[in-house]
């Protein structure tokens, strides 16, 4: 069955960095566009970044442009989200998505 397992979240001070990973299994990873979403308490889940199956043109939400970088390693069936210069407003649970499958999420908390 499809599994998406996120890791790498944690508590970090504002201005710090984290690297999230999402390990995928149960499907052909190289055939899937991969996305990172986040959901803060009391807010709707929002798209943060997306990378096509070929690893070409990526998409970023305006709020993270220039600070976050999405990448993928098809050989490892893993997608990453490098987050730099983190802000308090980045605090949320971050989810990986492939097709209509979701991981369980990893919590990112940024202290100001």
C-alpha atoms as a PDB file:
ATOM      1  CA  UNK A   1       0.000   0.000   0.000  1.00  0.00           C
ATOM      2  CA  UNK A   2       1.014   3.620  -0.469  1.00  0.00           C
ATOM      3  CA  UNK A   3       3.005   5.065   2.404  1.00  0.00           C
ATOM      4  CA  UNK A   4       4.354   8.572   2.840  1.00  0.00           C
ATOM      5  CA  UNK A   5       6.467   9.082   5.943  1.00  0.00           C
ATOM      6  CA  UNK A   6       7.575  12.589   6.849  1.00  0.00           C
ATOM      7  CA  UNK A   7      10.453  13.384   9.167  1.00  0.00           C
ATOM      8  CA  UNK A   8      12.746  16.220  10.111  1.00  0.00           C
ATOM      9  CA  UNK A   9      10.382  18.511  11.945  1.00  0.00           C
ATOM     10  CA  UNK A  10      11.149  20.040  15.303  1.00  0.00           C
ATOM     11  CA  UNK A  11      11.534  23.185  17.340  1.00  0.00           C
ATOM     12  CA  UNK A  12      13.786  25.887  15.936  1.00  0.00           C
ATOM     13  CA  UNK A  13      14.422  29.538  16.624  1.00  0.00           C
ATOM     14  CA  UNK A  14      13.395  32.188  14.147  1.00  0.00           C
ATOM     15  CA  UNK A  15      16.049  32.528  11.462  1.00  0.00           C
ATOM     16  CA  UNK A  16      17.001  28.888  11.739  1.00  0.00           C
ATOM     17  CA  UNK A  17      16.736  26.053   9.251  1.00  0.00           C
ATOM     18  CA  UNK A  18      15.171  22.626   9.006  1.00  0.00           C
ATOM     19  CA  UNK A  19      15.150  19.980   6.322  1.00  0.00           C
ATOM     20  CA  UNK A  20      12.041  17.862   5.983  1.00  0.00           C
ATOM     21  CA  UNK A  21      12.060  14.491   4.264  1.00  0.00           C
ATOM     22  CA  UNK A  22       9.225  12.377   2.938  1.00  0.00           C
ATOM     23  CA  UNK A  23       9.998   8.748   2.192  1.00  0.00           C
ATOM     24  CA  UNK A  24       7.543   7.182  -0.244  1.00  0.00           C
ATOM     25  CA  UNK A  25       6.679   3.577  -0.964  1.00  0.00           C
ATOM     26  CA  UNK A  26       3.949   1.519  -2.575  1.00  0.00           C
ATOM     27  CA  UNK A  27       3.912   3.311  -5.913  1.00  0.00           C
ATOM     28  CA  UNK A  28       6.250   4.348  -8.708  1.00  0.00           C
ATOM     29  CA  UNK A  29       7.765   7.438  -7.156  1.00  0.00           C
ATOM     30  CA  UNK A  30       9.198   8.758 -10.411  1.00  0.00           C
ATOM     31  CA  UNK A  31       5.700   8.924 -11.891  1.00  0.00           C
ATOM     32  CA  UNK A  32       4.319  11.199  -9.189  1.00  0.00           C
ATOM     33  CA  UNK A  33       4.285  14.941  -8.830  1.00  0.00           C
ATOM     34  CA  UNK A  34       5.122  15.562  -5.178  1.00  0.00           C
ATOM     35  CA  UNK A  35       3.915  18.344  -2.927  1.00  0.00           C
ATOM     36  CA  UNK A  36       4.400  19.743   0.555  1.00  0.00           C
ATOM     37  CA  UNK A  37       1.441  21.258   2.367  1.00  0.00           C
ATOM     38  CA  UNK A  38       1.133  22.750   5.821  1.00  0.00           C
ATOM     39  CA  UNK A  39      -1.648  23.371   8.264  1.00  0.00           C
ATOM     40  CA  UNK A  40      -1.480  25.705  11.217  1.00  0.00           C
ATOM     41  CA  UNK A  41      -3.976  25.507  14.104  1.00  0.00           C
ATOM     42  CA  UNK A  42      -7.283  27.039  13.111  1.00  0.00           C
ATOM     43  CA  UNK A  43      -6.249  27.457   9.486  1.00  0.00           C
ATOM     44  CA  UNK A  44      -6.876  25.556   6.291  1.00  0.00           C
ATOM     45  CA  UNK A  45      -4.246  23.294   4.825  1.00  0.00           C
ATOM     46  CA  UNK A  46      -2.230  25.186   2.220  1.00  0.00           C
ATOM     47  CA  UNK A  47       0.105  24.219  -0.577  1.00  0.00           C
ATOM     48  CA  UNK A  48       3.694  25.180   0.209  1.00  0.00           C
ATOM     49  CA  UNK A  49       5.696  23.725  -2.674  1.00  0.00           C
ATOM     50  CA  UNK A  50       5.368  21.285  -5.535  1.00  0.00           C
ATOM     51  CA  UNK A  51       7.858  19.494  -7.746  1.00  0.00           C
ATOM     52  CA  UNK A  52       6.933  17.630 -10.921  1.00  0.00           C
ATOM     53  CA  UNK A  53       7.908  14.015 -11.479  1.00  0.00           C
ATOM     54  CA  UNK A  54      10.751  15.090 -13.741  1.00  0.00           C
ATOM     55  CA  UNK A  55      12.113  17.465 -11.103  1.00  0.00           C
ATOM     56  CA  UNK A  56      11.726  20.415 -13.437  1.00  0.00           C
ATOM     57  CA  UNK A  57       9.742  23.589 -12.859  1.00  0.00           C
ATOM     58  CA  UNK A  58       8.831  23.915  -9.191  1.00  0.00           C
ATOM     59  CA  UNK A  59       6.079  25.918  -7.507  1.00  0.00           C
ATOM     60  CA  UNK A  60       6.263  27.837  -4.234  1.00  0.00           C
ATOM     61  CA  UNK A  61       3.711  29.731  -2.243  1.00  0.00           C
ATOM     62  CA  UNK A  62       4.523  33.425  -2.136  1.00  0.00           C
ATOM     63  CA  UNK A  63       5.025  33.241   1.607  1.00  0.00           C
ATOM     64  CA  UNK A  64       7.987  30.861   1.287  1.00  0.00           C
ATOM     65  CA  UNK A  65       9.610  31.939  -1.985  1.00  0.00           C
ATOM     66  CA  UNK A  66      13.323  32.534  -1.589  1.00  0.00           C
ATOM     67  CA  UNK A  67      13.413  30.674   1.749  1.00  0.00           C
ATOM     68  CA  UNK A  68      12.213  27.139   0.991  1.00  0.00           C
ATOM     69  CA  UNK A  69      13.529  24.709  -1.604  1.00  0.00           C
ATOM     70  CA  UNK A  70      11.803  21.522  -2.687  1.00  0.00           C
ATOM     71  CA  UNK A  71      13.828  18.720  -4.239  1.00  0.00           C
ATOM     72  CA  UNK A  72      13.514  15.020  -4.915  1.00  0.00           C
ATOM     73  CA  UNK A  73      15.690  11.966  -5.241  1.00  0.00           C
ATOM     74  CA  UNK A  74      13.893   9.435  -7.405  1.00  0.00           C
ATOM     75  CA  UNK A  75      16.508   6.784  -6.642  1.00  0.00           C
ATOM     76  CA  UNK A  76      15.626   7.059  -2.949  1.00  0.00           C
ATOM     77  CA  UNK A  77      11.888   7.681  -3.467  1.00  0.00           C
ATOM     78  CA  UNK A  78      12.226  10.713  -1.261  1.00  0.00           C
ATOM     79  CA  UNK A  79      11.165  14.327  -1.508  1.00  0.00           C
ATOM     80  CA  UNK A  80      12.740  17.060   0.598  1.00  0.00           C
ATOM     81  CA  UNK A  81      11.854  20.516   1.787  1.00  0.00           C
ATOM     82  CA  UNK A  82      14.790  22.687   2.831  1.00  0.00           C
ATOM     83  CA  UNK A  83      13.491  25.523   4.970  1.00  0.00           C
ATOM     84  CA  UNK A  84      15.773  28.461   5.707  1.00  0.00           C
ATOM     85  CA  UNK A  85      15.255  31.723   7.548  1.00  0.00           C
ATOM     86  CA  UNK A  86      12.271  30.279   9.336  1.00  0.00           C
ATOM     87  CA  UNK A  87       9.674  32.607  10.776  1.00  0.00           C
ATOM     88  CA  UNK A  88       7.121  32.182  13.526  1.00  0.00           C
ATOM     89  CA  UNK A  89       4.382  32.117  10.891  1.00  0.00           C
ATOM     90  CA  UNK A  90       5.929  28.970   9.409  1.00  0.00           C
ATOM     91  CA  UNK A  91       4.809  27.072  12.507  1.00  0.00           C
ATOM     92  CA  UNK A  92       2.504  24.312  11.289  1.00  0.00           C
ATOM     93  CA  UNK A  93       2.213  20.619  10.664  1.00  0.00           C
ATOM     94  CA  UNK A  94       3.807  19.815   7.325  1.00  0.00           C
ATOM     95  CA  UNK A  95       2.408  17.097   5.098  1.00  0.00           C
ATOM     96  CA  UNK A  96       3.704  15.316   2.038  1.00  0.00           C
ATOM     97  CA  UNK A  97       1.292  14.478  -0.769  1.00  0.00           C
ATOM     98  CA  UNK A  98       1.437  12.183  -3.805  1.00  0.00           C
ATOM     99  CA  UNK A  99      -1.665  11.849  -5.971  1.00  0.00           C
ATOM    100  CA  UNK A 100      -4.443  11.796  -3.356  1.00  0.00           C
ATOM    101  CA  UNK A 101      -2.318  10.173  -0.679  1.00  0.00           C
ATOM    102  CA  UNK A 102      -1.072  12.009   2.395  1.00  0.00           C
ATOM    103  CA  UNK A 103       1.504  11.326   5.039  1.00  0.00           C
ATOM    104  CA  UNK A 104       0.861  11.723   8.752  1.00  0.00           C
ATOM    105  CA  UNK A 105       2.751  14.990   8.890  1.00  0.00           C
ATOM    106  CA  UNK A 106       5.659  16.362  10.879  1.00  0.00           C
ATOM    107  CA  UNK A 107       5.403  19.285  13.267  1.00  0.00           C
ATOM    108  CA  UNK A 108       7.490  22.406  12.746  1.00  0.00           C
ATOM    109  CA  UNK A 109       7.521  24.970  15.525  1.00  0.00           C
ATOM    110  CA  UNK A 110       9.416  28.227  15.143  1.00  0.00           C
ATOM    111  CA  UNK A 111      10.003  30.265  18.273  1.00  0.00           C
ATOM    112  CA  UNK A 112      10.332  34.006  17.951  1.00  0.00           C
END
